[in-house]
Structures are given as C-alpha cells and as structure tokens.
C-alpha cells in the first residue's frame, strides 16, 4: 500500500486487463524527464500525500494489490508507455495515419490529467525548414493538409486574412480608378499567404504585374498597419517564419510579429527594431 514505504509493484485492472508497474512509474519519480504530473489521476489516487483511499479491489496470487480502473484497456497500454518514457508511443503512428487513435488517446490523457501527454497529442503536424524544404504550415494547408495539389490557403478557406484590410479606406481605395485593385480585395488577401513566388519580384509573380499593392502602399507605407492571419480551425506554435514584401517601401524600421489564441490578447513572438533586412521594393 501507499504507507508501506519503498517502491512496491502495483497491479492495475483496467476493465479486465491487468497491468503491473512500480508505484514510482505512476507518480513519475523515475521518469526520464525527472518531472511528475503533480495533479494527475495517479498522483491523486496513489501519491504519498493523497487524502484519497486508493481502493484496493483484490490481491493476486502473489499477494500484490490490484486496483480497478474503468477505462479503455487497449488504450491504457499507450498511457503506460508514456508514463515509462515520457514520449509519444511509436505504435500510435502519426495523426494522419491514425487520427481516431490520437483522438481517443487524447480523451484518456485528459481523464488521467496527464498534461504532458495532452500537449504531445495536440501537435498533429509539424514542419521545419529541414523537414519540408521551407514550405511551412501555410503550404501544408494549401495542399489540404498534404492530400491535394497546392491552392492558396485563403482561397481554400483554411485561413482568413484580416486587420486593416477591413477598414473602409482599404475597401474603397481611389487607386481603383487607375486600374489598381482594392487593398481589401480577395486578391490582396491571397497575396499575404501565397507560397513562395517564382522569383524575388514578389508583385510581378504573385499579383501578375504591378496592379495590386497591399500591406503598405505608397500612400501609407509608414503607418505599420496590422495584418492578421487567422488559422481558424487549428492552433499553431511557430518556430520559424519568412517574410516577402512588395510595394513602394520595404519593411525597414520597427515592427512586431505577434501571436494570439483569442484575437484579443497578443504576445510578441519577435520584435524588430531598426530592421534593415527588407529594404526597398519587391524584397524576399
């Protein structure tokens, strides 16, 4: 039992299937990360400071205490593997291969309050310059998450592009009279999430000539107006980003790259001050 000291072997009867492990495995004492889930189901039930009765169901033929858990017996093997190794079980594959298993295991992790496993199961796709040739998350969304040929993700409806585009002066720009498109047009919004143009002449490749200007046109290039890319259905944890700019002026000076989970509270992910990397017209 809990008060017996040492590190006893416990038996867990999970809906009729028996699992055995050391108590320290359940509490994370000997985990590879050296951390424990202090408020996990297992800590609450089997921890030395718990005020709960762990409720022994029976003892086996060797006298070991067996505790009943009314959860999915097959998925519990993945829970046990996580408790032993503090990493995702290789047998579950990728989210793309086994989405139902990932979702079901996430429900089990939430029941057992295993925050580390929950966090791992939230990352259903990852990309980096080394992994995907710098294509990135916007390209992945543009391919219907790797299933189809690339189409601009704004066109697909996977992301929304908002911010100053929605202001009246963006929707009714007087340049339209001279053949230029509105700043708030869908073409301008698409440009902000378009995957890699063929050359560094961003406007010529993406906008088919100099008939579209966006972000900062010549008449308001110094205002640093906000542009928001809303990923809509997914949460994103950025590790890298790239910028391209076309217009009368570059991105030199001060600007922020921010992130938000609710569209109201923002955290600065990168702060550029006196930046000199994107200077001039049509720069990548």
C-alpha atoms as a PDB file:
ATOM      1  CA  UNK A   1       0.000   0.000   0.000  1.00  0.00           C
ATOM      2  CA  UNK A   2       0.915   3.713  -0.018  1.00  0.00           C
ATOM      3  CA  UNK A   3       2.092   3.825   3.544  1.00  0.00           C
ATOM      4  CA  UNK A   4       4.331   0.762   3.300  1.00  0.00           C
ATOM      5  CA  UNK A   5       7.384   2.662   2.061  1.00  0.00           C
ATOM      6  CA  UNK A   6       9.718   1.624  -0.743  1.00  0.00           C
ATOM      7  CA  UNK A   7       8.529   1.314  -4.316  1.00  0.00           C
ATOM      8  CA  UNK A   8       6.044  -1.550  -4.471  1.00  0.00           C
ATOM      9  CA  UNK A   9       4.709  -3.224  -7.586  1.00  0.00           C
ATOM     10  CA  UNK A  10       1.065  -2.347  -8.131  1.00  0.00           C
ATOM     11  CA  UNK A  11      -1.473  -4.088 -10.315  1.00  0.00           C
ATOM     12  CA  UNK A  12      -3.975  -2.137 -12.354  1.00  0.00           C
ATOM     13  CA  UNK A  13      -7.050  -3.963 -13.562  1.00  0.00           C
ATOM     14  CA  UNK A  14      -8.183  -1.818 -16.482  1.00  0.00           C
ATOM     15  CA  UNK A  15     -11.600  -3.119 -17.463  1.00  0.00           C
ATOM     16  CA  UNK A  16     -10.430  -6.713 -17.050  1.00  0.00           C
ATOM     17  CA  UNK A  17      -6.875  -6.424 -18.402  1.00  0.00           C
ATOM     18  CA  UNK A  18      -4.034  -6.483 -15.859  1.00  0.00           C
ATOM     19  CA  UNK A  19      -1.065  -4.135 -15.969  1.00  0.00           C
ATOM     20  CA  UNK A  20       1.768  -4.183 -13.454  1.00  0.00           C
ATOM     21  CA  UNK A  21       4.245  -1.428 -12.689  1.00  0.00           C
ATOM     22  CA  UNK A  22       6.175   0.224  -9.877  1.00  0.00           C
ATOM     23  CA  UNK A  23       4.340   2.914  -7.977  1.00  0.00           C
ATOM     24  CA  UNK A  24       7.116   5.330  -8.973  1.00  0.00           C
ATOM     25  CA  UNK A  25       6.166   4.787 -12.628  1.00  0.00           C
ATOM     26  CA  UNK A  26       2.678   6.056 -11.952  1.00  0.00           C
ATOM     27  CA  UNK A  27       3.985   9.036  -9.996  1.00  0.00           C
ATOM     28  CA  UNK A  28       6.748   9.948 -12.453  1.00  0.00           C
ATOM     29  CA  UNK A  29       9.518   9.766  -9.844  1.00  0.00           C
ATOM     30  CA  UNK A  30      11.875   7.828 -12.100  1.00  0.00           C
ATOM     31  CA  UNK A  31      10.728   9.360 -15.411  1.00  0.00           C
ATOM     32  CA  UNK A  32      13.330  10.312 -17.985  1.00  0.00           C
ATOM     33  CA  UNK A  33      12.338  13.960 -17.683  1.00  0.00           C
ATOM     34  CA  UNK A  34      12.681  13.985 -13.918  1.00  0.00           C
ATOM     35  CA  UNK A  35       9.258  15.603 -13.621  1.00  0.00           C
ATOM     36  CA  UNK A  36       5.908  14.411 -12.381  1.00  0.00           C
ATOM     37  CA  UNK A  37       2.300  15.233 -13.088  1.00  0.00           C
ATOM     38  CA  UNK A  38       1.540  16.553  -9.600  1.00  0.00           C
ATOM     39  CA  UNK A  39      -2.204  16.687 -10.115  1.00  0.00           C
ATOM     40  CA  UNK A  40      -2.573  13.614 -12.275  1.00  0.00           C
ATOM     41  CA  UNK A  41      -5.128  10.911 -11.581  1.00  0.00           C
ATOM     42  CA  UNK A  42      -2.327   8.644 -10.386  1.00  0.00           C
ATOM     43  CA  UNK A  43      -0.840  11.204  -8.025  1.00  0.00           C
ATOM     44  CA  UNK A  44      -4.262  11.896  -6.572  1.00  0.00           C
ATOM     45  CA  UNK A  45      -5.008   8.209  -6.059  1.00  0.00           C
ATOM     46  CA  UNK A  46      -1.609   6.685  -5.258  1.00  0.00           C
ATOM     47  CA  UNK A  47       0.588   9.606  -4.195  1.00  0.00           C
ATOM     48  CA  UNK A  48       2.061   9.644  -0.665  1.00  0.00           C
ATOM     49  CA  UNK A  49       0.287  12.915   0.138  1.00  0.00           C
ATOM     50  CA  UNK A  50      -3.076  11.882  -1.232  1.00  0.00           C
ATOM     51  CA  UNK A  51      -6.034  12.033   1.124  1.00  0.00           C
ATOM     52  CA  UNK A  52      -7.992   9.585  -1.043  1.00  0.00           C
ATOM     53  CA  UNK A  53      -8.443   5.900  -0.392  1.00  0.00           C
ATOM     54  CA  UNK A  54      -6.821   4.156  -3.393  1.00  0.00           C
ATOM     55  CA  UNK A  55      -9.486   1.432  -3.023  1.00  0.00           C
ATOM     56  CA  UNK A  56      -7.838  -1.967  -3.394  1.00  0.00           C
ATOM     57  CA  UNK A  57     -10.107  -4.205  -5.481  1.00  0.00           C
ATOM     58  CA  UNK A  58      -8.381  -7.509  -4.684  1.00  0.00           C
ATOM     59  CA  UNK A  59      -4.968  -9.148  -4.383  1.00  0.00           C
ATOM     60  CA  UNK A  60      -3.418 -11.533  -6.880  1.00  0.00           C
ATOM     61  CA  UNK A  61      -1.940 -14.966  -6.179  1.00  0.00           C
ATOM     62  CA  UNK A  62       1.345 -13.345  -5.116  1.00  0.00           C
ATOM     63  CA  UNK A  63      -0.332 -11.010  -2.683  1.00  0.00           C
ATOM     64  CA  UNK A  64       0.076  -7.874  -4.802  1.00  0.00           C
ATOM     65  CA  UNK A  65      -2.618  -5.246  -4.506  1.00  0.00           C
ATOM     66  CA  UNK A  66      -4.799  -4.799  -7.570  1.00  0.00           C
ATOM     67  CA  UNK A  67      -6.684  -1.559  -8.256  1.00  0.00           C
ATOM     68  CA  UNK A  68      -9.581  -1.346 -10.682  1.00  0.00           C
ATOM     69  CA  UNK A  69      -9.736   1.398 -13.339  1.00  0.00           C
ATOM     70  CA  UNK A  70     -12.826   1.632 -15.524  1.00  0.00           C
ATOM     71  CA  UNK A  71     -11.191   2.842 -18.747  1.00  0.00           C
ATOM     72  CA  UNK A  72     -10.270   1.520 -22.200  1.00  0.00           C
ATOM     73  CA  UNK A  73      -7.972  -1.475 -21.673  1.00  0.00           C
ATOM     74  CA  UNK A  74      -6.260  -1.333 -25.073  1.00  0.00           C
ATOM     75  CA  UNK A  75      -5.526   2.380 -24.992  1.00  0.00           C
ATOM     76  CA  UNK A  76      -4.119   2.081 -21.484  1.00  0.00           C
ATOM     77  CA  UNK A  77      -1.014   0.366 -22.854  1.00  0.00           C
ATOM     78  CA  UNK A  78      -0.160   3.674 -24.555  1.00  0.00           C
ATOM     79  CA  UNK A  79      -0.765   5.525 -21.298  1.00  0.00           C
ATOM     80  CA  UNK A  80       1.646   3.161 -19.550  1.00  0.00           C
ATOM     81  CA  UNK A  81       4.270   3.621 -22.266  1.00  0.00           C
ATOM     82  CA  UNK A  82       4.044   7.377 -21.841  1.00  0.00           C
ATOM     83  CA  UNK A  83       4.397   7.059 -18.066  1.00  0.00           C
ATOM     84  CA  UNK A  84       7.552   4.986 -18.532  1.00  0.00           C
ATOM     85  CA  UNK A  85       9.230   7.008 -21.291  1.00  0.00           C
ATOM     86  CA  UNK A  86       7.603  10.482 -21.258  1.00  0.00           C
ATOM     87  CA  UNK A  87       7.242  10.485 -25.038  1.00  0.00           C
ATOM     88  CA  UNK A  88       4.584   9.547 -27.572  1.00  0.00           C
ATOM     89  CA  UNK A  89       4.299   5.793 -28.126  1.00  0.00           C
ATOM     90  CA  UNK A  90       5.704   4.951 -31.546  1.00  0.00           C
ATOM     91  CA  UNK A  91       2.906   2.431 -32.139  1.00  0.00           C
ATOM     92  CA  UNK A  92       0.259   5.140 -32.489  1.00  0.00           C
ATOM     93  CA  UNK A  93       1.935   6.426 -35.658  1.00  0.00           C
ATOM     94  CA  UNK A  94       1.149   9.894 -36.918  1.00  0.00           C
ATOM     95  CA  UNK A  95      -2.113  11.771 -36.631  1.00  0.00           C
ATOM     96  CA  UNK A  96      -2.542  11.498 -40.398  1.00  0.00           C
ATOM     97  CA  UNK A  97      -2.218   7.717 -40.206  1.00  0.00           C
ATOM     98  CA  UNK A  98      -4.362   7.095 -37.107  1.00  0.00           C
ATOM     99  CA  UNK A  99      -6.495  10.151 -36.294  1.00  0.00           C
ATOM    100  CA  UNK A 100      -9.087   8.110 -34.360  1.00  0.00           C
ATOM    101  CA  UNK A 101      -6.428   6.582 -32.114  1.00  0.00           C
ATOM    102  CA  UNK A 102      -4.924  10.018 -31.428  1.00  0.00           C
ATOM    103  CA  UNK A 103      -8.318  11.469 -30.516  1.00  0.00           C
ATOM    104  CA  UNK A 104      -9.231   8.518 -28.308  1.00  0.00           C
ATOM    105  CA  UNK A 105      -5.865   8.592 -26.560  1.00  0.00           C
ATOM    106  CA  UNK A 106      -6.249  12.331 -26.006  1.00  0.00           C
ATOM    107  CA  UNK A 107      -9.513  11.636 -24.181  1.00  0.00           C
ATOM    108  CA  UNK A 108      -7.737   9.110 -21.970  1.00  0.00           C
ATOM    109  CA  UNK A 109      -4.915  11.588 -21.265  1.00  0.00           C
ATOM    110  CA  UNK A 110      -7.482  14.191 -20.264  1.00  0.00           C
ATOM    111  CA  UNK A 111      -9.214  11.746 -17.924  1.00  0.00           C
ATOM    112  CA  UNK A 112      -5.904  10.861 -16.243  1.00  0.00           C
ATOM    113  CA  UNK A 113      -4.881  14.563 -16.221  1.00  0.00           C
ATOM    114  CA  UNK A 114      -1.537  13.849 -17.875  1.00  0.00           C
ATOM    115  CA  UNK A 115      -0.698  17.340 -19.071  1.00  0.00           C
ATOM    116  CA  UNK A 116       2.495  16.273 -20.817  1.00  0.00           C
ATOM    117  CA  UNK A 117       0.734  13.639 -22.911  1.00  0.00           C
ATOM    118  CA  UNK A 118      -2.096  16.028 -23.705  1.00  0.00           C
ATOM    119  CA  UNK A 119       0.427  18.560 -25.021  1.00  0.00           C
ATOM    120  CA  UNK A 120       2.155  15.946 -27.181  1.00  0.00           C
ATOM    121  CA  UNK A 121      -1.149  14.818 -28.659  1.00  0.00           C
ATOM    122  CA  UNK A 122      -2.110  18.369 -29.593  1.00  0.00           C
ATOM    123  CA  UNK A 123       0.739  18.532 -32.150  1.00  0.00           C
ATOM    124  CA  UNK A 124      -0.866  16.723 -35.074  1.00  0.00           C
ATOM    125  CA  UNK A 125       1.521  18.111 -37.698  1.00  0.00           C
ATOM    126  CA  UNK A 126       4.993  19.614 -37.518  1.00  0.00           C
ATOM    127  CA  UNK A 127       7.201  21.228 -40.116  1.00  0.00           C
ATOM    128  CA  UNK A 128      10.527  22.985 -40.229  1.00  0.00           C
ATOM    129  CA  UNK A 129      12.934  24.241 -42.898  1.00  0.00           C
ATOM    130  CA  UNK A 130      14.918  20.998 -42.525  1.00  0.00           C
ATOM    131  CA  UNK A 131      11.874  18.740 -42.774  1.00  0.00           C
ATOM    132  CA  UNK A 132       9.871  20.183 -45.637  1.00  0.00           C
ATOM    133  CA  UNK A 133      12.196  22.384 -47.673  1.00  0.00           C
ATOM    134  CA  UNK A 134      10.924  25.565 -46.006  1.00  0.00           C
ATOM    135  CA  UNK A 135       7.383  25.095 -47.336  1.00  0.00           C
ATOM    136  CA  UNK A 136       5.795  25.623 -43.936  1.00  0.00           C
ATOM    137  CA  UNK A 137       2.332  25.414 -42.423  1.00  0.00           C
ATOM    138  CA  UNK A 138       0.640  27.699 -44.963  1.00  0.00           C
ATOM    139  CA  UNK A 139       1.811  25.478 -47.817  1.00  0.00           C
ATOM    140  CA  UNK A 140       0.574  22.395 -45.928  1.00  0.00           C
ATOM    141  CA  UNK A 141      -2.862  23.980 -45.526  1.00  0.00           C
ATOM    142  CA  UNK A 142      -2.814  24.938 -49.194  1.00  0.00           C
ATOM    143  CA  UNK A 143      -2.396  21.264 -50.098  1.00  0.00           C
ATOM    144  CA  UNK A 144      -5.444  20.284 -47.998  1.00  0.00           C
ATOM    145  CA  UNK A 145      -3.039  19.005 -45.327  1.00  0.00           C
ATOM    146  CA  UNK A 146      -0.886  17.106 -47.782  1.00  0.00           C
ATOM    147  CA  UNK A 147      -3.704  15.489 -49.753  1.00  0.00           C
ATOM    148  CA  UNK A 148      -4.036  17.645 -52.894  1.00  0.00           C
ATOM    149  CA  UNK A 149      -2.183  19.980 -55.229  1.00  0.00           C
ATOM    150  CA  UNK A 150      -1.371  23.384 -53.753  1.00  0.00           C
ATOM    151  CA  UNK A 151      -4.059  26.063 -53.849  1.00  0.00           C
ATOM    152  CA  UNK A 152      -3.701  29.331 -51.951  1.00  0.00           C
ATOM    153  CA  UNK A 153      -4.889  28.584 -48.368  1.00  0.00           C
ATOM    154  CA  UNK A 154      -7.031  31.741 -48.288  1.00  0.00           C
ATOM    155  CA  UNK A 155      -8.777  30.559 -51.446  1.00  0.00           C
ATOM    156  CA  UNK A 156      -9.327  27.157 -49.841  1.00  0.00           C
ATOM    157  CA  UNK A 157     -10.892  28.802 -46.799  1.00  0.00           C
ATOM    158  CA  UNK A 158      -8.258  27.342 -44.461  1.00  0.00           C
ATOM    159  CA  UNK A 159      -7.142  30.786 -43.256  1.00  0.00           C
ATOM    160  CA  UNK A 160      -8.603  34.259 -43.131  1.00  0.00           C
ATOM    161  CA  UNK A 161      -6.662  37.479 -43.686  1.00  0.00           C
ATOM    162  CA  UNK A 162      -7.984  40.410 -41.710  1.00  0.00           C
ATOM    163  CA  UNK A 163      -6.880  43.588 -39.991  1.00  0.00           C
ATOM    164  CA  UNK A 164      -6.601  46.856 -41.832  1.00  0.00           C
ATOM    165  CA  UNK A 165      -7.937  45.178 -44.980  1.00  0.00           C
ATOM    166  CA  UNK A 166     -11.385  45.521 -43.433  1.00  0.00           C
ATOM    167  CA  UNK A 167     -11.126  49.266 -42.900  1.00  0.00           C
ATOM    168  CA  UNK A 168     -13.312  51.396 -45.220  1.00  0.00           C
ATOM    169  CA  UNK A 169     -10.321  53.143 -46.795  1.00  0.00           C
ATOM    170  CA  UNK A 170      -8.863  49.759 -47.731  1.00  0.00           C
ATOM    171  CA  UNK A 171     -12.067  48.626 -49.369  1.00  0.00           C
ATOM    172  CA  UNK A 172     -12.552  51.892 -51.273  1.00  0.00           C
ATOM    173  CA  UNK A 173      -9.092  52.881 -52.403  1.00  0.00           C
ATOM    174  CA  UNK A 174      -9.052  55.549 -55.087  1.00  0.00           C
ATOM    175  CA  UNK A 175      -6.343  53.714 -56.988  1.00  0.00           C
ATOM    176  CA  UNK A 176      -9.093  51.523 -58.385  1.00  0.00           C
ATOM    177  CA  UNK A 177      -9.886  54.368 -60.739  1.00  0.00           C
ATOM    178  CA  UNK A 178      -6.436  53.918 -62.314  1.00  0.00           C
ATOM    179  CA  UNK A 179      -6.713  50.161 -62.735  1.00  0.00           C
ATOM    180  CA  UNK A 180      -5.460  49.077 -59.311  1.00  0.00           C
ATOM    181  CA  UNK A 181      -7.385  46.605 -57.185  1.00  0.00           C
ATOM    182  CA  UNK A 182      -8.771  47.477 -53.786  1.00  0.00           C
ATOM    183  CA  UNK A 183      -6.473  46.835 -50.850  1.00  0.00           C
ATOM    184  CA  UNK A 184      -9.325  44.878 -49.263  1.00  0.00           C
ATOM    185  CA  UNK A 185      -9.894  42.651 -52.288  1.00  0.00           C
ATOM    186  CA  UNK A 186      -9.547  38.877 -52.108  1.00  0.00           C
ATOM    187  CA  UNK A 187      -6.534  39.131 -54.428  1.00  0.00           C
ATOM    188  CA  UNK A 188      -4.691  41.287 -51.900  1.00  0.00           C
ATOM    189  CA  UNK A 189      -5.601  38.941 -49.058  1.00  0.00           C
ATOM    190  CA  UNK A 190      -4.389  35.934 -51.021  1.00  0.00           C
ATOM    191  CA  UNK A 191      -1.033  37.596 -51.585  1.00  0.00           C
ATOM    192  CA  UNK A 192      -0.288  37.619 -47.864  1.00  0.00           C
ATOM    193  CA  UNK A 193      -0.371  33.845 -47.574  1.00  0.00           C
ATOM    194  CA  UNK A 194       0.815  32.857 -51.055  1.00  0.00           C
ATOM    195  CA  UNK A 195       3.549  30.227 -51.023  1.00  0.00           C
ATOM    196  CA  UNK A 196       6.903  31.245 -52.449  1.00  0.00           C
ATOM    197  CA  UNK A 197       6.708  33.163 -55.751  1.00  0.00           C
ATOM    198  CA  UNK A 198       8.999  32.047 -58.553  1.00  0.00           C
ATOM    199  CA  UNK A 199      11.437  34.896 -58.071  1.00  0.00           C
ATOM    200  CA  UNK A 200      12.132  37.726 -55.663  1.00  0.00           C
ATOM    201  CA  UNK A 201       9.991  40.043 -57.779  1.00  0.00           C
ATOM    202  CA  UNK A 202       7.066  39.340 -55.465  1.00  0.00           C
ATOM    203  CA  UNK A 203       4.454  41.568 -57.069  1.00  0.00           C
ATOM    204  CA  UNK A 204       5.196  40.512 -60.627  1.00  0.00           C
ATOM    205  CA  UNK A 205       4.914  36.796 -59.867  1.00  0.00           C
ATOM    206  CA  UNK A 206       2.084  36.801 -57.366  1.00  0.00           C
ATOM    207  CA  UNK A 207      -0.021  39.737 -58.450  1.00  0.00           C
ATOM    208  CA  UNK A 208       0.525  39.424 -62.202  1.00  0.00           C
ATOM    209  CA  UNK A 209       2.096  42.814 -62.597  1.00  0.00           C
ATOM    210  CA  UNK A 210       2.040  45.976 -60.534  1.00  0.00           C
ATOM    211  CA  UNK A 211      -1.738  46.225 -60.434  1.00  0.00           C
ATOM    212  CA  UNK A 212      -2.076  45.158 -56.794  1.00  0.00           C
ATOM    213  CA  UNK A 213      -0.409  46.720 -53.778  1.00  0.00           C
ATOM    214  CA  UNK A 214      -1.018  45.533 -50.239  1.00  0.00           C
ATOM    215  CA  UNK A 215       0.205  45.778 -46.634  1.00  0.00           C
ATOM    216  CA  UNK A 216       1.725  49.231 -47.137  1.00  0.00           C
ATOM    217  CA  UNK A 217       1.099  51.058 -50.380  1.00  0.00           C
ATOM    218  CA  UNK A 218       2.909  54.250 -51.315  1.00  0.00           C
ATOM    219  CA  UNK A 219       0.345  56.484 -49.634  1.00  0.00           C
ATOM    220  CA  UNK A 220       0.520  54.904 -46.181  1.00  0.00           C
ATOM    221  CA  UNK A 221       3.772  52.921 -46.137  1.00  0.00           C
ATOM    222  CA  UNK A 222       4.995  54.369 -42.870  1.00  0.00           C
ATOM    223  CA  UNK A 223       1.930  53.599 -40.762  1.00  0.00           C
ATOM    224  CA  UNK A 224       2.680  49.957 -39.849  1.00  0.00           C
ATOM    225  CA  UNK A 225      -0.949  48.916 -40.032  1.00  0.00           C
ATOM    226  CA  UNK A 226      -1.804  45.482 -38.563  1.00  0.00           C
ATOM    227  CA  UNK A 227      -2.415  42.426 -40.726  1.00  0.00           C
ATOM    228  CA  UNK A 228      -3.911  39.318 -39.105  1.00  0.00           C
ATOM    229  CA  UNK A 229      -3.646  35.777 -40.464  1.00  0.00           C
ATOM    230  CA  UNK A 230      -6.344  33.716 -38.743  1.00  0.00           C
ATOM    231  CA  UNK A 231      -5.717  29.956 -38.874  1.00  0.00           C
ATOM    232  CA  UNK A 232      -9.370  29.380 -37.991  1.00  0.00           C
ATOM    233  CA  UNK A 233      -9.599  25.636 -37.217  1.00  0.00           C
ATOM    234  CA  UNK A 234      -6.099  24.893 -35.933  1.00  0.00           C
ATOM    235  CA  UNK A 235      -3.722  26.159 -33.264  1.00  0.00           C
ATOM    236  CA  UNK A 236      -0.182  26.935 -34.394  1.00  0.00           C
ATOM    237  CA  UNK A 237       3.053  27.072 -32.409  1.00  0.00           C
ATOM    238  CA  UNK A 238       5.514  28.975 -34.661  1.00  0.00           C
ATOM    239  CA  UNK A 239       9.173  28.004 -34.703  1.00  0.00           C
ATOM    240  CA  UNK A 240      10.204  29.736 -37.965  1.00  0.00           C
ATOM    241  CA  UNK A 241       8.703  32.306 -40.302  1.00  0.00           C
ATOM    242  CA  UNK A 242       9.573  34.037 -43.556  1.00  0.00           C
ATOM    243  CA  UNK A 243       8.506  37.371 -44.989  1.00  0.00           C
ATOM    244  CA  UNK A 244       8.297  38.757 -48.512  1.00  0.00           C
ATOM    245  CA  UNK A 245       7.444  42.295 -49.384  1.00  0.00           C
ATOM    246  CA  UNK A 246       6.447  44.157 -52.498  1.00  0.00           C
ATOM    247  CA  UNK A 247       5.442  47.776 -52.698  1.00  0.00           C
ATOM    248  CA  UNK A 248       6.811  51.272 -52.632  1.00  0.00           C
ATOM    249  CA  UNK A 249       8.789  50.810 -49.424  1.00  0.00           C
ATOM    250  CA  UNK A 250      10.335  47.912 -47.560  1.00  0.00           C
ATOM    251  CA  UNK A 251       9.845  46.685 -44.028  1.00  0.00           C
ATOM    252  CA  UNK A 252      12.814  48.544 -42.593  1.00  0.00           C
ATOM    253  CA  UNK A 253      12.290  50.082 -39.194  1.00  0.00           C
ATOM    254  CA  UNK A 254      10.184  48.808 -36.305  1.00  0.00           C
ATOM    255  CA  UNK A 255       7.566  46.065 -36.412  1.00  0.00           C
ATOM    256  CA  UNK A 256       6.306  43.131 -34.341  1.00  0.00           C
ATOM    257  CA  UNK A 257       5.400  39.544 -35.138  1.00  0.00           C
ATOM    258  CA  UNK A 258       2.651  38.693 -32.621  1.00  0.00           C
ATOM    259  CA  UNK A 259       0.501  35.689 -31.815  1.00  0.00           C
ATOM    260  CA  UNK A 260      -2.881  35.286 -30.149  1.00  0.00           C
ATOM    261  CA  UNK A 261      -5.204  32.452 -29.158  1.00  0.00           C
ATOM    262  CA  UNK A 262      -8.343  34.576 -28.974  1.00  0.00           C
ATOM    263  CA  UNK A 263      -7.731  37.550 -31.278  1.00  0.00           C
ATOM    264  CA  UNK A 264      -7.824  39.952 -28.331  1.00  0.00           C
ATOM    265  CA  UNK A 265      -4.771  39.208 -26.202  1.00  0.00           C
ATOM    266  CA  UNK A 266      -1.488  39.265 -28.098  1.00  0.00           C
ATOM    267  CA  UNK A 267       2.030  38.044 -27.263  1.00  0.00           C
ATOM    268  CA  UNK A 268       5.056  39.361 -29.133  1.00  0.00           C
ATOM    269  CA  UNK A 269       6.948  36.457 -30.696  1.00  0.00           C
ATOM    270  CA  UNK A 270       9.536  38.603 -32.463  1.00  0.00           C
ATOM    271  CA  UNK A 271      10.291  42.287 -32.077  1.00  0.00           C
ATOM    272  CA  UNK A 272      12.129  44.015 -34.914  1.00  0.00           C
ATOM    273  CA  UNK A 273      13.738  47.350 -34.171  1.00  0.00           C
ATOM    274  CA  UNK A 274      15.603  49.361 -36.799  1.00  0.00           C
ATOM    275  CA  UNK A 275      15.339  46.348 -39.082  1.00  0.00           C
ATOM    276  CA  UNK A 276      17.333  46.595 -42.324  1.00  0.00           C
ATOM    277  CA  UNK A 277      16.702  43.189 -43.894  1.00  0.00           C
ATOM    278  CA  UNK A 278      13.705  44.058 -46.089  1.00  0.00           C
ATOM    279  CA  UNK A 279      14.626  47.420 -47.595  1.00  0.00           C
ATOM    280  CA  UNK A 280      13.335  48.691 -50.905  1.00  0.00           C
ATOM    281  CA  UNK A 281      10.884  47.239 -53.398  1.00  0.00           C
ATOM    282  CA  UNK A 282       9.996  43.585 -54.046  1.00  0.00           C
ATOM    283  CA  UNK A 283      12.285  42.050 -51.477  1.00  0.00           C
ATOM    284  CA  UNK A 284      12.295  38.481 -50.048  1.00  0.00           C
END
